[in-house]
Amino acid sequence: MNKVIQLRPVTEKDSQLLFNLMTGQNWLEKIGDKGIKTVSDAKQYIIDKMHPELKEKGFINYVIVDEETKDEVGTCSLHNRLGVPGLDVGYAILEEYEGKGYATLAVIQMVDLAIKSYGVKTVHAITTENNIGSCRVLEKSGFGHTGYVQLPSSDENFRLYVLSKTSQKGDKCFKF
């Protein structure tokens, strides 16, 4: 079955979705605790962290919606964060929708947006070493692992992936 997704901008009305994502076990283990303890915290996170990115950097966070069922399955976005060269793609999927292709479809659309709207030739992505599912999503989307980066706000080394017109697929993710 081929899935089709729609992307729509995150609004304050998506507080419950963000709360569910950011308090899920996978988010906490693989992305980290952002201090979200209530739906109200999630709403404030949207106001404080997500909306300013549009004004400051021109980027927006999107809700991933299954076009057929209209289920809101996760979020995706572009970032221009310190420690990562150029634009990078971010995404998170609700646990009950993981492994169904939504993240791969969202990544492909974000790459397309980065190329067409922002004129970049190279897009990056980062993930933690233990996030094997995310490694697979990136590799299925054409990204290659090129090394590691450390973000200024973290002591952790993140796997760095790159997708460009001249990119050669890097090493594959492996199971520990």
C-alpha atoms as a PDB file:
ATOM      1  CA  MET A   1       0.000   0.000   0.000  1.00  0.00           C
ATOM      2  CA  ASN A   2       1.398   3.381  -1.002  1.00  0.00           C
ATOM      3  CA  LYS A   3       0.873   6.055   1.599  1.00  0.00           C
ATOM      4  CA  VAL A   4       0.393   9.700   0.751  1.00  0.00           C
ATOM      5  CA  ILE A   5       0.994  12.395   3.307  1.00  0.00           C
ATOM      6  CA  GLN A   6       0.137  16.048   3.621  1.00  0.00           C
ATOM      7  CA  LEU A   7       2.196  18.542   5.567  1.00  0.00           C
ATOM      8  CA  ARG A   8       0.583  21.452   7.339  1.00  0.00           C
ATOM      9  CA  PRO A   9       2.171  24.055   9.604  1.00  0.00           C
ATOM     10  CA  VAL A  10       2.213  23.331  13.346  1.00  0.00           C
ATOM     11  CA  THR A  11      -0.125  25.610  15.295  1.00  0.00           C
ATOM     12  CA  GLU A  12      -0.935  25.989  18.964  1.00  0.00           C
ATOM     13  CA  LYS A  13      -3.890  23.655  18.341  1.00  0.00           C
ATOM     14  CA  ASP A  14      -1.322  20.862  17.921  1.00  0.00           C
ATOM     15  CA  SER A  15      -0.345  20.986  21.595  1.00  0.00           C
ATOM     16  CA  GLN A  16      -1.779  17.525  22.331  1.00  0.00           C
ATOM     17  CA  LEU A  17       0.100  15.988  19.397  1.00  0.00           C
ATOM     18  CA  LEU A  18       3.354  17.620  20.517  1.00  0.00           C
ATOM     19  CA  PHE A  19       2.735  16.515  24.090  1.00  0.00           C
ATOM     20  CA  ASN A  20       2.169  12.922  22.949  1.00  0.00           C
ATOM     21  CA  LEU A  21       5.323  12.976  20.819  1.00  0.00           C
ATOM     22  CA  MET A  22       7.597  14.668  23.325  1.00  0.00           C
ATOM     23  CA  THR A  23       6.582  12.527  26.292  1.00  0.00           C
ATOM     24  CA  GLY A  24       6.751   9.225  24.400  1.00  0.00           C
ATOM     25  CA  GLN A  25       9.434   6.751  25.392  1.00  0.00           C
ATOM     26  CA  ASN A  26      11.157   6.870  21.987  1.00  0.00           C
ATOM     27  CA  TRP A  27      11.368  10.674  21.977  1.00  0.00           C
ATOM     28  CA  LEU A  28      12.766  10.739  25.497  1.00  0.00           C
ATOM     29  CA  GLU A  29      15.349   8.032  24.716  1.00  0.00           C
ATOM     30  CA  LYS A  30      16.394   9.154  21.253  1.00  0.00           C
ATOM     31  CA  ILE A  31      15.820  12.910  21.152  1.00  0.00           C
ATOM     32  CA  GLY A  32      15.843  13.896  24.792  1.00  0.00           C
ATOM     33  CA  ASP A  33      13.697  15.423  27.495  1.00  0.00           C
ATOM     34  CA  LYS A  34      12.641  18.956  26.557  1.00  0.00           C
ATOM     35  CA  GLY A  35      10.894  19.552  29.878  1.00  0.00           C
ATOM     36  CA  ILE A  36       7.396  18.980  28.500  1.00  0.00           C
ATOM     37  CA  LYS A  37       5.226  17.677  31.344  1.00  0.00           C
ATOM     38  CA  THR A  38       1.761  18.964  30.356  1.00  0.00           C
ATOM     39  CA  VAL A  39      -0.205  19.862  27.245  1.00  0.00           C
ATOM     40  CA  SER A  40       0.156  23.474  28.355  1.00  0.00           C
ATOM     41  CA  ASP A  41       3.967  23.041  28.315  1.00  0.00           C
ATOM     42  CA  ALA A  42       3.698  21.717  24.761  1.00  0.00           C
ATOM     43  CA  LYS A  43       1.669  24.750  23.725  1.00  0.00           C
ATOM     44  CA  GLN A  44       4.278  27.070  25.230  1.00  0.00           C
ATOM     45  CA  TYR A  45       7.033  25.111  23.429  1.00  0.00           C
ATOM     46  CA  ILE A  46       5.232  25.731  20.120  1.00  0.00           C
ATOM     47  CA  ILE A  47       4.986  29.457  20.920  1.00  0.00           C
ATOM     48  CA  ASP A  48       8.546  29.836  22.257  1.00  0.00           C
ATOM     49  CA  LYS A  49      10.548  27.431  20.101  1.00  0.00           C
ATOM     50  CA  MET A  50       8.654  26.607  16.926  1.00  0.00           C
ATOM     51  CA  HIS A  51       7.014  29.878  15.917  1.00  0.00           C
ATOM     52  CA  PRO A  52      10.159  32.027  16.331  1.00  0.00           C
ATOM     53  CA  GLU A  53      12.040  29.796  13.844  1.00  0.00           C
ATOM     54  CA  LEU A  54       9.703  31.013  11.124  1.00  0.00           C
ATOM     55  CA  LYS A  55      10.401  34.674  11.943  1.00  0.00           C
ATOM     56  CA  GLU A  56      14.123  34.225  12.624  1.00  0.00           C
ATOM     57  CA  LYS A  57      15.129  31.676  10.001  1.00  0.00           C
ATOM     58  CA  GLY A  58      12.224  31.311   7.611  1.00  0.00           C
ATOM     59  CA  PHE A  59      11.595  27.712   8.603  1.00  0.00           C
ATOM     60  CA  ILE A  60       8.453  26.179   9.997  1.00  0.00           C
ATOM     61  CA  ASN A  61       7.572  22.910  11.665  1.00  0.00           C
ATOM     62  CA  TYR A  62       4.977  20.737   9.993  1.00  0.00           C
ATOM     63  CA  VAL A  63       2.449  18.159  11.143  1.00  0.00           C
ATOM     64  CA  ILE A  64       2.533  14.967   9.073  1.00  0.00           C
ATOM     65  CA  VAL A  65      -1.006  13.919   8.165  1.00  0.00           C
ATOM     66  CA  ASP A  66      -1.988  10.628   6.517  1.00  0.00           C
ATOM     67  CA  GLU A  67      -3.965  11.854   3.515  1.00  0.00           C
ATOM     68  CA  GLU A  68      -6.339   8.866   3.515  1.00  0.00           C
ATOM     69  CA  THR A  69      -7.119   8.490   7.221  1.00  0.00           C
ATOM     70  CA  LYS A  70      -6.422  12.121   8.217  1.00  0.00           C
ATOM     71  CA  ASP A  71      -4.455  10.779  11.214  1.00  0.00           C
ATOM     72  CA  GLU A  72      -1.810  13.165  12.532  1.00  0.00           C
ATOM     73  CA  VAL A  73       1.195  10.863  12.784  1.00  0.00           C
ATOM     74  CA  GLY A  74       4.106  13.145  13.673  1.00  0.00           C
ATOM     75  CA  THR A  75       6.089  16.252  12.814  1.00  0.00           C
ATOM     76  CA  CYS A  76       8.907  17.233  10.490  1.00  0.00           C
ATOM     77  CA  SER A  77      10.966  20.351   9.931  1.00  0.00           C
ATOM     78  CA  LEU A  78      14.061  22.015   8.555  1.00  0.00           C
ATOM     79  CA  HIS A  79      16.674  23.460  10.887  1.00  0.00           C
ATOM     80  CA  ASN A  80      19.763  25.620  10.639  1.00  0.00           C
ATOM     81  CA  ARG A  81      21.319  24.672  13.939  1.00  0.00           C
ATOM     82  CA  LEU A  82      24.741  25.369  15.361  1.00  0.00           C
ATOM     83  CA  GLY A  83      27.055  22.401  14.957  1.00  0.00           C
ATOM     84  CA  VAL A  84      25.465  21.095  11.763  1.00  0.00           C
ATOM     85  CA  PRO A  85      26.745  22.397   8.427  1.00  0.00           C
ATOM     86  CA  GLY A  86      23.854  23.933   6.466  1.00  0.00           C
ATOM     87  CA  LEU A  87      20.197  22.931   6.631  1.00  0.00           C
ATOM     88  CA  ASP A  88      19.188  19.718   8.319  1.00  0.00           C
ATOM     89  CA  VAL A  89      15.988  17.704   8.406  1.00  0.00           C
ATOM     90  CA  GLY A  90      14.248  16.723  11.626  1.00  0.00           C
ATOM     91  CA  TYR A  91      11.261  14.450  12.193  1.00  0.00           C
ATOM     92  CA  ALA A  92       9.413  12.530  14.884  1.00  0.00           C
ATOM     93  CA  ILE A  93       6.659   9.962  14.518  1.00  0.00           C
ATOM     94  CA  LEU A  94       4.162   8.837  17.157  1.00  0.00           C
ATOM     95  CA  GLU A  95       5.162   5.370  18.314  1.00  0.00           C
ATOM     96  CA  GLU A  96       1.990   3.696  17.017  1.00  0.00           C
ATOM     97  CA  TYR A  97       2.803   4.929  13.488  1.00  0.00           C
ATOM     98  CA  GLU A  98       6.522   4.103  13.431  1.00  0.00           C
ATOM     99  CA  GLY A  99       7.781   1.694  10.795  1.00  0.00           C
ATOM    100  CA  LYS A 100       4.999   2.516   8.332  1.00  0.00           C
ATOM    101  CA  GLY A 101       6.907   4.809   5.975  1.00  0.00           C
ATOM    102  CA  TYR A 102       5.677   8.167   7.244  1.00  0.00           C
ATOM    103  CA  ALA A 103       9.121   9.452   8.276  1.00  0.00           C
ATOM    104  CA  THR A 104      10.664   8.525   4.920  1.00  0.00           C
ATOM    105  CA  LEU A 105       7.899  10.341   3.027  1.00  0.00           C
ATOM    106  CA  ALA A 106       8.277  13.399   5.262  1.00  0.00           C
ATOM    107  CA  VAL A 107      12.069  13.469   4.851  1.00  0.00           C
ATOM    108  CA  ILE A 108      11.730  13.329   1.074  1.00  0.00           C
ATOM    109  CA  GLN A 109       9.274  16.245   1.143  1.00  0.00           C
ATOM    110  CA  MET A 110      11.531  18.261   3.461  1.00  0.00           C
ATOM    111  CA  VAL A 111      14.524  17.696   1.159  1.00  0.00           C
ATOM    112  CA  ASP A 112      12.411  18.806  -1.785  1.00  0.00           C
ATOM    113  CA  LEU A 113      11.378  21.930   0.144  1.00  0.00           C
ATOM    114  CA  ALA A 114      14.996  22.707   1.055  1.00  0.00           C
ATOM    115  CA  ILE A 115      16.129  22.398  -2.552  1.00  0.00           C
ATOM    116  CA  LYS A 116      13.224  24.207  -4.208  1.00  0.00           C
ATOM    117  CA  SER A 117      12.472  26.909  -1.635  1.00  0.00           C
ATOM    118  CA  TYR A 118      15.902  27.585  -0.167  1.00  0.00           C
ATOM    119  CA  GLY A 119      18.106  26.698  -3.132  1.00  0.00           C
ATOM    120  CA  VAL A 120      20.434  24.380  -1.241  1.00  0.00           C
ATOM    121  CA  LYS A 121      22.315  21.596  -2.986  1.00  0.00           C
ATOM    122  CA  THR A 122      23.115  19.658   0.173  1.00  0.00           C
ATOM    123  CA  VAL A 123      20.840  18.707   3.075  1.00  0.00           C
ATOM    124  CA  HIS A 124      22.014  17.194   6.346  1.00  0.00           C
ATOM    125  CA  ALA A 125      20.424  15.169   9.128  1.00  0.00           C
ATOM    126  CA  ILE A 126      21.602  14.018  12.527  1.00  0.00           C
ATOM    127  CA  THR A 127      20.569  11.163  14.747  1.00  0.00           C
ATOM    128  CA  THR A 128      21.795   9.451  17.861  1.00  0.00           C
ATOM    129  CA  GLU A 129      23.967   6.367  17.529  1.00  0.00           C
ATOM    130  CA  ASN A 130      21.290   4.097  18.984  1.00  0.00           C
ATOM    131  CA  ASN A 131      18.439   5.335  16.769  1.00  0.00           C
ATOM    132  CA  ILE A 132      18.635   2.529  14.213  1.00  0.00           C
ATOM    133  CA  GLY A 133      15.151   3.275  12.827  1.00  0.00           C
ATOM    134  CA  SER A 134      16.142   6.855  12.058  1.00  0.00           C
ATOM    135  CA  CYS A 135      19.359   5.669  10.408  1.00  0.00           C
ATOM    136  CA  ARG A 136      17.281   3.444   8.125  1.00  0.00           C
ATOM    137  CA  VAL A 137      14.873   6.269   7.278  1.00  0.00           C
ATOM    138  CA  LEU A 138      17.759   8.492   6.237  1.00  0.00           C
ATOM    139  CA  GLU A 139      19.450   5.786   4.189  1.00  0.00           C
ATOM    140  CA  LYS A 140      16.178   4.884   2.420  1.00  0.00           C
ATOM    141  CA  SER A 141      15.817   8.594   1.622  1.00  0.00           C
ATOM    142  CA  GLY A 142      19.239   8.664  -0.051  1.00  0.00           C
ATOM    143  CA  PHE A 143      21.358  10.101   2.764  1.00  0.00           C
ATOM    144  CA  GLY A 144      24.825   8.735   3.494  1.00  0.00           C
ATOM    145  CA  HIS A 145      26.548   8.653   6.891  1.00  0.00           C
ATOM    146  CA  THR A 146      29.592  10.928   6.717  1.00  0.00           C
ATOM    147  CA  GLY A 147      30.821  11.217  10.285  1.00  0.00           C
ATOM    148  CA  TYR A 148      29.862  12.698  13.622  1.00  0.00           C
ATOM    149  CA  VAL A 149      29.039  16.144  15.003  1.00  0.00           C
ATOM    150  CA  GLN A 150      28.554  17.555  18.457  1.00  0.00           C
ATOM    151  CA  LEU A 151      25.945  20.228  19.061  1.00  0.00           C
ATOM    152  CA  PRO A 152      26.960  23.137  21.324  1.00  0.00           C
ATOM    153  CA  SER A 153      24.145  22.278  23.744  1.00  0.00           C
ATOM    154  CA  SER A 154      25.097  18.589  24.092  1.00  0.00           C
ATOM    155  CA  ASP A 155      27.965  16.337  25.143  1.00  0.00           C
ATOM    156  CA  GLU A 156      26.732  13.605  22.796  1.00  0.00           C
ATOM    157  CA  ASN A 157      28.185  12.830  19.382  1.00  0.00           C
ATOM    158  CA  PHE A 158      25.490  12.589  16.716  1.00  0.00           C
ATOM    159  CA  ARG A 159      25.707  10.622  13.489  1.00  0.00           C
ATOM    160  CA  LEU A 160      25.861  13.114  10.608  1.00  0.00           C
ATOM    161  CA  TYR A 161      24.147  12.246   7.337  1.00  0.00           C
ATOM    162  CA  VAL A 162      24.319  14.154   4.070  1.00  0.00           C
ATOM    163  CA  LEU A 163      22.342  14.118   0.845  1.00  0.00           C
ATOM    164  CA  SER A 164      23.649  15.997  -2.161  1.00  0.00           C
ATOM    165  CA  LYS A 165      23.797  15.592  -5.886  1.00  0.00           C
ATOM    166  CA  THR A 166      27.373  14.321  -5.573  1.00  0.00           C
ATOM    167  CA  SER A 167      26.816  12.261  -2.443  1.00  0.00           C
ATOM    168  CA  GLN A 168      28.021   8.700  -2.191  1.00  0.00           C
ATOM    169  CA  LYS A 169      26.212   6.512   0.304  1.00  0.00           C
ATOM    170  CA  GLY A 170      28.291   6.186   3.434  1.00  0.00           C
ATOM    171  CA  ASP A 171      28.565   3.278   5.829  1.00  0.00           C
ATOM    172  CA  LYS A 172      25.400   1.518   6.882  1.00  0.00           C
ATOM    173  CA  CYS A 173      23.869   1.607  10.318  1.00  0.00           C
ATOM    174  CA  PHE A 174      24.554  -1.505  12.267  1.00  0.00           C
ATOM    175  CA  LYS A 175      22.854  -3.295  15.154  1.00  0.00           C
ATOM    176  CA  PHE A 176      24.533  -3.256  18.532  1.00  0.00           C
END
